[in-house]
PDB file of all heavy atoms in Angstrom:
ATOM      1  N   ALA A   1      42.714 148.974  94.698  1.00  0.00           N
ATOM      2  CA  ALA A   1      43.719 148.154  95.370  1.00  0.00           C
ATOM      3  C   ALA A   1      43.158 146.785  95.735  1.00  0.00           C
ATOM      4  O   ALA A   1      43.859 145.766  95.656  1.00  0.00           O
ATOM      5  CB  ALA A   1      44.238 148.867  96.620  1.00  0.00           C
ATOM      6  N   ASP A   2      41.893 146.732  96.141  1.00  0.00           N
ATOM      7  CA  ASP A   2      41.272 145.443  96.461  1.00  0.00           C
ATOM      8  C   ASP A   2      41.112 144.594  95.207  1.00  0.00           C
ATOM      9  O   ASP A   2      41.341 143.377  95.235  1.00  0.00           O
ATOM     10  CB  ASP A   2      39.919 145.666  97.136  1.00  0.00           C
ATOM     11  CG  ASP A   2      40.037 146.224  98.536  1.00  0.00           C
ATOM     12  OD1 ASP A   2      41.158 146.178  99.102  1.00  0.00           O
ATOM     13  OD2 ASP A   2      39.024 146.723  99.070  1.00  0.00           O
ATOM     14  N   PHE A   3      40.693 145.231  94.113  1.00  0.00           N
ATOM     15  CA  PHE A   3      40.564 144.472  92.862  1.00  0.00           C
ATOM     16  C   PHE A   3      41.919 143.932  92.427  1.00  0.00           C
ATOM     17  O   PHE A   3      42.040 142.765  92.035  1.00  0.00           O
ATOM     18  CB  PHE A   3      39.962 145.347  91.764  1.00  0.00           C
ATOM     19  CG  PHE A   3      39.992 144.685  90.415  1.00  0.00           C
ATOM     20  CD1 PHE A   3      39.256 143.545  90.169  1.00  0.00           C
ATOM     21  CD2 PHE A   3      40.789 145.196  89.397  1.00  0.00           C
ATOM     22  CE1 PHE A   3      39.305 142.909  88.930  1.00  0.00           C
ATOM     23  CE2 PHE A   3      40.844 144.582  88.153  1.00  0.00           C
ATOM     24  CZ  PHE A   3      40.095 143.433  87.923  1.00  0.00           C
ATOM     25  N   LEU A   4      42.954 144.762  92.494  1.00  0.00           N
ATOM     26  CA  LEU A   4      44.287 144.311  92.114  1.00  0.00           C
ATOM     27  C   LEU A   4      44.723 143.140  92.987  1.00  0.00           C
ATOM     28  O   LEU A   4      45.308 142.162  92.497  1.00  0.00           O
ATOM     29  CB  LEU A   4      45.270 145.478  92.235  1.00  0.00           C
ATOM     30  CG  LEU A   4      46.694 145.244  91.739  1.00  0.00           C
ATOM     31  CD1 LEU A   4      46.703 144.857  90.272  1.00  0.00           C
ATOM     32  CD2 LEU A   4      47.535 146.493  91.972  1.00  0.00           C
ATOM     33  N   GLY A   5      44.425 143.196  94.285  1.00  0.00           N
ATOM     34  CA  GLY A   5      44.769 142.098  95.177  1.00  0.00           C
ATOM     35  C   GLY A   5      44.023 140.814  94.878  1.00  0.00           C
ATOM     36  O   GLY A   5      44.491 139.719  95.205  1.00  0.00           O
ATOM     37  N   SER A   6      42.876 140.938  94.214  1.00  0.00           N
ATOM     38  CA  SER A   6      42.083 139.749  93.892  1.00  0.00           C
ATOM     39  C   SER A   6      42.606 139.011  92.664  1.00  0.00           C
ATOM     40  O   SER A   6      42.182 137.885  92.394  1.00  0.00           O
ATOM     41  CB  SER A   6      40.619 140.146  93.662  1.00  0.00           C
ATOM     42  OG  SER A   6      40.455 140.781  92.403  1.00  0.00           O
ATOM     43  N   ARG A   7      43.521 139.629  91.910  1.00  0.00           N
ATOM     44  CA  ARG A   7      44.121 138.986  90.723  1.00  0.00           C
ATOM     45  C   ARG A   7      45.644 139.038  90.889  1.00  0.00           C
ATOM     46  O   ARG A   7      46.340 139.762  90.186  1.00  0.00           O
ATOM     47  CB  ARG A   7      43.711 139.686  89.428  1.00  0.00           C
ATOM     48  CG  ARG A   7      42.264 140.061  89.286  1.00  0.00           C
ATOM     49  CD  ARG A   7      41.325 138.903  89.079  1.00  0.00           C
ATOM     50  NE  ARG A   7      41.472 138.174  87.865  1.00  0.00           N
ATOM     51  CZ  ARG A   7      40.450 137.552  87.259  1.00  0.00           C
ATOM     52  NH1 ARG A   7      39.216 137.645  87.747  1.00  0.00           N
ATOM     53  NH2 ARG A   7      40.659 136.840  86.172  1.00  0.00           N
ATOM     54  N   PRO A   8      46.209 138.290  91.832  1.00  0.00           N
ATOM     55  CA  PRO A   8      47.636 138.412  92.154  1.00  0.00           C
ATOM     56  C   PRO A   8      48.536 137.914  91.031  1.00  0.00           C
ATOM     57  O   PRO A   8      48.134 137.112  90.182  1.00  0.00           O
ATOM     58  CB  PRO A   8      47.791 137.547  93.407  1.00  0.00           C
ATOM     59  CG  PRO A   8      46.684 136.565  93.324  1.00  0.00           C
ATOM     60  CD  PRO A   8      45.536 137.286  92.662  1.00  0.00           C
ATOM     61  N   ARG A   9      49.753 138.384  91.067  1.00  0.00           N
ATOM     62  CA  ARG A   9      50.738 137.977  90.062  1.00  0.00           C
ATOM     63  C   ARG A   9      50.927 136.466  90.057  1.00  0.00           C
ATOM     64  O   ARG A   9      51.169 135.853  89.016  1.00  0.00           O
ATOM     65  CB  ARG A   9      52.074 138.663  90.332  1.00  0.00           C
ATOM     66  CG  ARG A   9      52.021 140.178  90.249  1.00  0.00           C
ATOM     67  CD  ARG A   9      53.383 140.792  90.531  1.00  0.00           C
ATOM     68  NE  ARG A   9      53.288 142.241  90.640  1.00  0.00           N
ATOM     69  CZ  ARG A   9      54.227 143.077  90.240  1.00  0.00           C
ATOM     70  NH1 ARG A   9      55.348 142.607  89.732  1.00  0.00           N
ATOM     71  NH2 ARG A   9      54.082 144.381  90.379  1.00  0.00           N
ATOM     72  N   GLU A  10      50.854 135.859  91.227  1.00  0.00           N
ATOM     73  CA  GLU A  10      51.044 134.411  91.324  1.00  0.00           C
ATOM     74  C   GLU A  10      50.082 133.652  90.429  1.00  0.00           C
ATOM     75  O   GLU A  10      50.406 132.565  89.917  1.00  0.00           O
ATOM     76  CB  GLU A  10      50.880 133.959  92.782  1.00  0.00           C
ATOM     77  CG  GLU A  10      51.121 132.473  92.987  1.00  0.00           C
ATOM     78  CD  GLU A  10      50.744 132.003  94.376  1.00  0.00           C
ATOM     79  OE1 GLU A  10      50.400 132.847  95.239  1.00  0.00           O
ATOM     80  OE2 GLU A  10      50.768 130.778  94.606  1.00  0.00           O
ATOM     81  N   ALA A  11      48.864 134.212  90.220  1.00  0.00           N
ATOM     82  CA  ALA A  11      47.882 133.530  89.375  1.00  0.00           C
ATOM     83  C   ALA A  11      48.396 133.414  87.946  1.00  0.00           C
ATOM     84  O   ALA A  11      48.247 132.364  87.290  1.00  0.00           O
ATOM     85  CB  ALA A  11      46.549 134.280  89.412  1.00  0.00           C
ATOM     86  N   GLU A  12      48.993 134.474  87.431  1.00  0.00           N
ATOM     87  CA  GLU A  12      49.565 134.412  86.083  1.00  0.00           C
ATOM     88  C   GLU A  12      50.752 133.454  86.049  1.00  0.00           C
ATOM     89  O   GLU A  12      50.887 132.643  85.128  1.00  0.00           O
ATOM     90  CB  GLU A  12      49.989 135.806  85.618  1.00  0.00           C
ATOM     91  CG  GLU A  12      48.817 136.715  85.245  1.00  0.00           C
ATOM     92  CD  GLU A  12      49.269 137.978  84.535  1.00  0.00           C
ATOM     93  OE1 GLU A  12      49.595 137.904  83.330  1.00  0.00           O
ATOM     94  OE2 GLU A  12      49.298 139.049  85.189  1.00  0.00           O
ATOM     95  N   GLU A  13      51.620 133.562  87.038  1.00  0.00           N
ATOM     96  CA  GLU A  13      52.848 132.757  87.020  1.00  0.00           C
ATOM     97  C   GLU A  13      52.542 131.268  87.103  1.00  0.00           C
ATOM     98  O   GLU A  13      53.148 130.456  86.387  1.00  0.00           O
ATOM     99  CB  GLU A  13      53.768 133.201  88.148  1.00  0.00           C
ATOM    100  CG  GLU A  13      54.348 134.590  87.919  1.00  0.00           C
ATOM    101  CD  GLU A  13      54.775 135.275  89.202  1.00  0.00           C
ATOM    102  OE1 GLU A  13      55.284 134.584  90.105  1.00  0.00           O
ATOM    103  OE2 GLU A  13      54.570 136.501  89.314  1.00  0.00           O
ATOM    104  N   ARG A  14      51.606 130.881  87.980  1.00  0.00           N
ATOM    105  CA  ARG A  14      51.289 129.456  88.088  1.00  0.00           C
ATOM    106  C   ARG A  14      50.658 128.938  86.800  1.00  0.00           C
ATOM    107  O   ARG A  14      50.982 127.836  86.331  1.00  0.00           O
ATOM    108  CB  ARG A  14      50.362 129.195  89.267  1.00  0.00           C
ATOM    109  CG  ARG A  14      50.079 127.703  89.451  1.00  0.00           C
ATOM    110  CD  ARG A  14      49.115 127.411  90.581  1.00  0.00           C
ATOM    111  NE  ARG A  14      49.695 127.718  91.901  1.00  0.00           N
ATOM    112  CZ  ARG A  14      49.079 127.447  93.045  1.00  0.00           C
ATOM    113  NH1 ARG A  14      47.878 126.865  93.030  1.00  0.00           N
ATOM    114  NH2 ARG A  14      49.645 127.760  94.189  1.00  0.00           N
ATOM    115  N   ALA A  15      49.766 129.723  86.208  1.00  0.00           N
ATOM    116  CA  ALA A  15      49.127 129.290  84.966  1.00  0.00           C
ATOM    117  C   ALA A  15      50.140 129.201  83.825  1.00  0.00           C
ATOM    118  O   ALA A  15      50.106 128.255  83.019  1.00  0.00           O
ATOM    119  CB  ALA A  15      48.002 130.255  84.601  1.00  0.00           C
ATOM    120  N   ILE A  16      51.031 130.169  83.728  1.00  0.00           N
ATOM    121  CA  ILE A  16      52.048 130.127  82.673  1.00  0.00           C
ATOM    122  C   ILE A  16      52.954 128.919  82.860  1.00  0.00           C
ATOM    123  O   ILE A  16      53.313 128.232  81.892  1.00  0.00           O
ATOM    124  CB  ILE A  16      52.847 131.440  82.656  1.00  0.00           C
ATOM    125  CG1 ILE A  16      51.954 132.584  82.159  1.00  0.00           C
ATOM    126  CG2 ILE A  16      54.092 131.319  81.765  1.00  0.00           C
ATOM    127  CD1 ILE A  16      52.552 133.963  82.323  1.00  0.00           C
ATOM    128  N   ARG A  17      53.316 128.613  84.106  1.00  0.00           N
ATOM    129  CA  ARG A  17      54.136 127.425  84.373  1.00  0.00           C
ATOM    130  C   ARG A  17      53.406 126.158  83.898  1.00  0.00           C
ATOM    131  O   ARG A  17      54.029 125.245  83.337  1.00  0.00           O
ATOM    132  CB  ARG A  17      54.440 127.339  85.863  1.00  0.00           C
ATOM    133  CG  ARG A  17      55.524 126.331  86.219  1.00  0.00           C
ATOM    134  CD  ARG A  17      55.918 126.446  87.693  1.00  0.00           C
ATOM    135  NE  ARG A  17      56.490 127.755  88.018  1.00  0.00           N
ATOM    136  CZ  ARG A  17      55.889 128.666  88.775  1.00  0.00           C
ATOM    137  NH1 ARG A  17      54.692 128.422  89.306  1.00  0.00           N
ATOM    138  NH2 ARG A  17      56.483 129.824  89.027  1.00  0.00           N
ATOM    139  N   THR A  18      52.090 126.125  84.099  1.00  0.00           N
ATOM    140  CA  THR A  18      51.290 124.992  83.631  1.00  0.00           C
ATOM    141  C   THR A  18      51.359 124.853  82.118  1.00  0.00           C
ATOM    142  O   THR A  18      51.494 123.749  81.578  1.00  0.00           O
ATOM    143  CB  THR A  18      49.826 125.166  84.079  1.00  0.00           C
ATOM    144  OG1 THR A  18      49.759 125.176  85.509  1.00  0.00           O
ATOM    145  CG2 THR A  18      48.946 124.058  83.540  1.00  0.00           C
ATOM    146  N   VAL A  19      51.298 125.986  81.415  1.00  0.00           N
ATOM    147  CA  VAL A  19      51.369 125.962  79.953  1.00  0.00           C
ATOM    148  C   VAL A  19      52.767 125.553  79.498  1.00  0.00           C
ATOM    149  O   VAL A  19      52.917 124.759  78.561  1.00  0.00           O
ATOM    150  CB  VAL A  19      50.969 127.330  79.372  1.00  0.00           C
ATOM    151  CG1 VAL A  19      51.125 127.332  77.849  1.00  0.00           C
ATOM    152  CG2 VAL A  19      49.529 127.673  79.742  1.00  0.00           C
ATOM    153  N   VAL A  20      53.792 126.084  80.133  1.00  0.00           N
ATOM    154  CA  VAL A  20      55.167 125.719  79.782  1.00  0.00           C
ATOM    155  C   VAL A  20      55.358 124.210  79.893  1.00  0.00           C
ATOM    156  O   VAL A  20      55.914 123.554  78.992  1.00  0.00           O
ATOM    157  CB  VAL A  20      56.175 126.461  80.678  1.00  0.00           C
ATOM    158  CG1 VAL A  20      57.587 125.887  80.497  1.00  0.00           C
ATOM    159  CG2 VAL A  20      56.172 127.961  80.372  1.00  0.00           C
ATOM    160  N   ASP A  21      54.901 123.633  80.989  1.00  0.00           N
ATOM    161  CA  ASP A  21      55.046 122.186  81.180  1.00  0.00           C
ATOM    162  C   ASP A  21      54.294 121.410  80.103  1.00  0.00           C
ATOM    163  O   ASP A  21      54.789 120.388  79.594  1.00  0.00           O
ATOM    164  CB  ASP A  21      54.533 121.789  82.566  1.00  0.00           C
ATOM    165  CG  ASP A  21      55.414 122.287  83.703  1.00  0.00           C
ATOM    166  OD1 ASP A  21      56.577 122.661  83.435  1.00  0.00           O
ATOM    167  OD2 ASP A  21      54.937 122.309  84.852  1.00  0.00           O
ATOM    168  N   ALA A  22      53.109 121.891  79.739  1.00  0.00           N
ATOM    169  CA  ALA A  22      52.313 121.199  78.725  1.00  0.00           C
ATOM    170  C   ALA A  22      52.971 121.279  77.355  1.00  0.00           C
ATOM    171  O   ALA A  22      52.969 120.301  76.588  1.00  0.00           O
ATOM    172  CB  ALA A  22      50.906 121.789  78.678  1.00  0.00           C
ATOM    173  N   VAL A  23      53.538 122.422  77.016  1.00  0.00           N
ATOM    174  CA  VAL A  23      54.254 122.561  75.742  1.00  0.00           C
ATOM    175  C   VAL A  23      55.456 121.619  75.712  1.00  0.00           C
ATOM    176  O   VAL A  23      55.716 120.936  74.714  1.00  0.00           O
ATOM    177  CB  VAL A  23      54.694 124.025  75.532  1.00  0.00           C
ATOM    178  CG1 VAL A  23      55.671 124.146  74.361  1.00  0.00           C
ATOM    179  CG2 VAL A  23      53.484 124.918  75.300  1.00  0.00           C
ATOM    180  N   ARG A  24      56.181 121.558  76.810  1.00  0.00           N
ATOM    181  CA  ARG A  24      57.353 120.674  76.885  1.00  0.00           C
ATOM    182  C   ARG A  24      56.941 119.211  76.699  1.00  0.00           C
ATOM    183  O   ARG A  24      57.603 118.441  75.982  1.00  0.00           O
ATOM    184  CB  ARG A  24      58.052 120.858  78.231  1.00  0.00           C
ATOM    185  CG  ARG A  24      59.306 120.008  78.386  1.00  0.00           C
ATOM    186  CD  ARG A  24      59.922 120.165  79.771  1.00  0.00           C
ATOM    187  NE  ARG A  24      60.416 121.521  80.011  1.00  0.00           N
ATOM    188  CZ  ARG A  24      59.895 122.365  80.904  1.00  0.00           C
ATOM    189  NH1 ARG A  24      58.850 121.988  81.650  1.00  0.00           N
ATOM    190  NH2 ARG A  24      60.412 123.567  81.060  1.00  0.00           N
ATOM    191  N   ASP A  25      55.840 118.816  77.325  1.00  0.00           N
ATOM    192  CA  ASP A  25      55.452 117.402  77.310  1.00  0.00           C
ATOM    193  C   ASP A  25      54.779 116.983  76.010  1.00  0.00           C
ATOM    194  O   ASP A  25      54.877 115.808  75.615  1.00  0.00           O
ATOM    195  CB  ASP A  25      54.503 117.120  78.480  1.00  0.00           C
ATOM    196  CG  ASP A  25      55.195 117.232  79.832  1.00  0.00           C
ATOM    197  OD1 ASP A  25      56.445 117.244  79.868  1.00  0.00           O
ATOM    198  OD2 ASP A  25      54.479 117.336  80.845  1.00  0.00           O
ATOM    199  N   THR A  26      54.069 117.902  75.350  1.00  0.00           N
ATOM    200  CA  THR A  26      53.322 117.546  74.137  1.00  0.00           C
ATOM    201  C   THR A  26      54.047 117.908  72.851  1.00  0.00           C
ATOM    202  O   THR A  26      53.711 117.382  71.785  1.00  0.00           O
ATOM    203  CB  THR A  26      51.948 118.247  74.114  1.00  0.00           C
ATOM    204  OG1 THR A  26      52.159 119.672  74.029  1.00  0.00           O
ATOM    205  CG2 THR A  26      51.124 117.902  75.346  1.00  0.00           C
ATOM    206  N   GLY A  27      55.013 118.821  72.930  1.00  0.00           N
ATOM    207  CA  GLY A  27      55.649 119.310  71.714  1.00  0.00           C
ATOM    208  C   GLY A  27      54.774 120.270  70.939  1.00  0.00           C
ATOM    209  O   GLY A  27      55.071 120.585  69.775  1.00  0.00           O
ATOM    210  N   GLY A  28      53.704 120.754  71.572  1.00  0.00           N
ATOM    211  CA  GLY A  28      52.795 121.671  70.900  1.00  0.00           C
ATOM    212  C   GLY A  28      53.303 123.104  70.901  1.00  0.00           C
ATOM    213  O   GLY A  28      54.330 123.438  71.491  1.00  0.00           O
ATOM    214  N   ARG A  29      52.538 123.965  70.225  1.00  0.00           N
ATOM    215  CA  ARG A  29      52.823 125.396  70.163  1.00  0.00           C
ATOM    216  C   ARG A  29      51.776 126.146  70.969  1.00  0.00           C
ATOM    217  O   ARG A  29      50.571 125.877  70.832  1.00  0.00           O
ATOM    218  CB  ARG A  29      52.809 125.911  68.726  1.00  0.00           C
ATOM    219  CG  ARG A  29      53.889 125.315  67.841  1.00  0.00           C
ATOM    220  CD  ARG A  29      54.008 126.078  66.513  1.00  0.00           C
ATOM    221  NE  ARG A  29      52.792 125.987  65.722  1.00  0.00           N
ATOM    222  CZ  ARG A  29      52.151 127.026  65.186  1.00  0.00           C
ATOM    223  NH1 ARG A  29      52.572 128.260  65.429  1.00  0.00           N
ATOM    224  NH2 ARG A  29      51.071 126.844  64.453  1.00  0.00           N
ATOM    225  N   ALA A  30      52.215 127.088  71.797  1.00  0.00           N
ATOM    226  CA  ALA A  30      51.274 127.849  72.620  1.00  0.00           C
ATOM    227  C   ALA A  30      51.701 129.314  72.674  1.00  0.00           C
ATOM    228  O   ALA A  30      52.874 129.656  72.493  1.00  0.00           O
ATOM    229  CB  ALA A  30      51.178 127.267  74.024  1.00  0.00           C
ATOM    230  N   HIS A  31      50.719 130.150  72.953  1.00  0.00           N
ATOM    231  CA  HIS A  31      50.923 131.600  73.019  1.00  0.00           C
ATOM    232  C   HIS A  31      50.203 132.112  74.251  1.00  0.00           C
ATOM    233  O   HIS A  31      49.021 131.807  74.463  1.00  0.00           O
ATOM    234  CB  HIS A  31      50.361 132.253  71.754  1.00  0.00           C
ATOM    235  CG  HIS A  31      50.446 133.745  71.733  1.00  0.00           C
ATOM    236  ND1 HIS A  31      51.619 134.426  71.496  1.00  0.00           N
ATOM    237  CD2 HIS A  31      49.488 134.699  71.918  1.00  0.00           C
ATOM    238  CE1 HIS A  31      51.384 135.726  71.525  1.00  0.00           C
ATOM    239  NE2 HIS A  31      50.110 135.920  71.789  1.00  0.00           N
ATOM    240  N   ILE A  32      50.914 132.886  75.074  1.00  0.00           N
ATOM    241  CA  ILE A  32      50.331 133.460  76.283  1.00  0.00           C
ATOM    242  C   ILE A  32      49.707 134.800  75.940  1.00  0.00           C
ATOM    243  O   ILE A  32      50.382 135.696  75.420  1.00  0.00           O
ATOM    244  CB  ILE A  32      51.398 133.636  77.387  1.00  0.00           C
ATOM    245  CG1 ILE A  32      52.058 132.284  77.715  1.00  0.00           C
ATOM    246  CG2 ILE A  32      50.775 134.274  78.627  1.00  0.00           C
ATOM    247  CD1 ILE A  32      51.111 131.236  78.238  1.00  0.00           C
ATOM    248  N   LEU A  33      48.439 134.935  76.267  1.00  0.00           N
ATOM    249  CA  LEU A  33      47.706 136.155  75.948  1.00  0.00           C
ATOM    250  C   LEU A  33      47.915 137.224  77.021  1.00  0.00           C
ATOM    251  O   LEU A  33      48.147 136.920  78.190  1.00  0.00           O
ATOM    252  CB  LEU A  33      46.209 135.845  75.825  1.00  0.00           C
ATOM    253  CG  LEU A  33      45.842 134.861  74.713  1.00  0.00           C
ATOM    254  CD1 LEU A  33      44.398 134.399  74.865  1.00  0.00           C
ATOM    255  CD2 LEU A  33      46.055 135.491  73.339  1.00  0.00           C
ATOM    256  N   HIS A  34      47.816 138.475  76.597  1.00  0.00           N
ATOM    257  CA  HIS A  34      47.737 139.684  77.442  1.00  0.00           C
ATOM    258  C   HIS A  34      48.511 139.573  78.764  1.00  0.00           C
ATOM    259  O   HIS A  34      47.942 139.661  79.852  1.00  0.00           O
ATOM    260  CB  HIS A  34      46.279 140.058  77.709  1.00  0.00           C
ATOM    261  CG  HIS A  34      45.358 138.939  78.098  1.00  0.00           C
ATOM    262  ND1 HIS A  34      45.639 138.043  79.104  1.00  0.00           N
ATOM    263  CD2 HIS A  34      44.139 138.605  77.611  1.00  0.00           C
ATOM    264  CE1 HIS A  34      44.641 137.193  79.203  1.00  0.00           C
ATOM    265  NE2 HIS A  34      43.717 137.507  78.321  1.00  0.00           N
ATOM    266  N   LEU A  35      49.816 139.415  78.668  1.00  0.00           N
ATOM    267  CA  LEU A  35      50.645 139.346  79.865  1.00  0.00           C
ATOM    268  C   LEU A  35      50.619 140.685  80.596  1.00  0.00           C
ATOM    269  O   LEU A  35      50.916 141.729  80.020  1.00  0.00           O
ATOM    270  CB  LEU A  35      52.090 139.004  79.494  1.00  0.00           C
ATOM    271  CG  LEU A  35      53.052 138.885  80.676  1.00  0.00           C
ATOM    272  CD1 LEU A  35      52.778 137.605  81.456  1.00  0.00           C
ATOM    273  CD2 LEU A  35      54.502 138.934  80.206  1.00  0.00           C
ATOM    274  N   SER A  36      50.278 140.638  81.889  1.00  0.00           N
ATOM    275  CA  SER A  36      50.351 141.854  82.699  1.00  0.00           C
ATOM    276  C   SER A  36      51.404 141.752  83.786  1.00  0.00           C
ATOM    277  O   SER A  36      51.828 142.767  84.338  1.00  0.00           O
ATOM    278  CB  SER A  36      48.984 142.176  83.326  1.00  0.00           C
ATOM    279  OG  SER A  36      48.766 141.483  84.531  1.00  0.00           O
ATOM    280  N   ASP A  37      51.869 140.547  84.108  1.00  0.00           N
ATOM    281  CA  ASP A  37      52.796 140.322  85.224  1.00  0.00           C
ATOM    282  C   ASP A  37      54.230 140.232  84.722  1.00  0.00           C
ATOM    283  O   ASP A  37      54.632 139.226  84.134  1.00  0.00           O
ATOM    284  CB  ASP A  37      52.404 139.038  85.955  1.00  0.00           C
ATOM    285  CG  ASP A  37      53.425 138.626  87.000  1.00  0.00           C
ATOM    286  OD1 ASP A  37      54.134 139.513  87.517  1.00  0.00           O
ATOM    287  OD2 ASP A  37      53.524 137.415  87.280  1.00  0.00           O
ATOM    288  N   ALA A  38      55.013 141.266  84.987  1.00  0.00           N
ATOM    289  CA  ALA A  38      56.407 141.263  84.539  1.00  0.00           C
ATOM    290  C   ALA A  38      57.255 140.229  85.266  1.00  0.00           C
ATOM    291  O   ALA A  38      58.309 139.833  84.765  1.00  0.00           O
ATOM    292  CB  ALA A  38      57.011 142.654  84.719  1.00  0.00           C
ATOM    293  N   ASP A  39      56.817 139.765  86.429  1.00  0.00           N
ATOM    294  CA  ASP A  39      57.579 138.737  87.146  1.00  0.00           C
ATOM    295  C   ASP A  39      57.663 137.433  86.347  1.00  0.00           C
ATOM    296  O   ASP A  39      58.554 136.607  86.600  1.00  0.00           O
ATOM    297  CB  ASP A  39      56.942 138.443  88.504  1.00  0.00           C
ATOM    298  CG  ASP A  39      57.154 139.558  89.519  1.00  0.00           C
ATOM    299  OD1 ASP A  39      57.965 140.461  89.245  1.00  0.00           O
ATOM    300  OD2 ASP A  39      56.498 139.530  90.574  1.00  0.00           O
ATOM    301  N   ALA A  40      56.738 137.240  85.385  1.00  0.00           N
ATOM    302  CA  ALA A  40      56.736 136.005  84.598  1.00  0.00           C
ATOM    303  C   ALA A  40      57.722 136.048  83.440  1.00  0.00           C
ATOM    304  O   ALA A  40      57.970 135.016  82.802  1.00  0.00           O
ATOM    305  CB  ALA A  40      55.333 135.735  84.059  1.00  0.00           C
ATOM    306  N   ILE A  41      58.297 137.204  83.160  1.00  0.00           N
ATOM    307  CA  ILE A  41      59.160 137.333  81.978  1.00  0.00           C
ATOM    308  C   ILE A  41      60.364 136.401  82.032  1.00  0.00           C
ATOM    309  O   ILE A  41      60.676 135.733  81.025  1.00  0.00           O
ATOM    310  CB  ILE A  41      59.573 138.804  81.775  1.00  0.00           C
ATOM    311  CG1 ILE A  41      58.349 139.626  81.345  1.00  0.00           C
ATOM    312  CG2 ILE A  41      60.683 138.922  80.735  1.00  0.00           C
ATOM    313  CD1 ILE A  41      58.609 141.122  81.244  1.00  0.00           C
TER     314      ILE A  41
END
């Protein structure tokens, strides 16, 4: 439970949002690896 708390869902969501913004701004292609957080779907 402590380990799970150390890698919160918010960490995935914020990083994915960063990638989404970068794809939008650059027109590039990106792929999100090993999604574990269903809240990001």
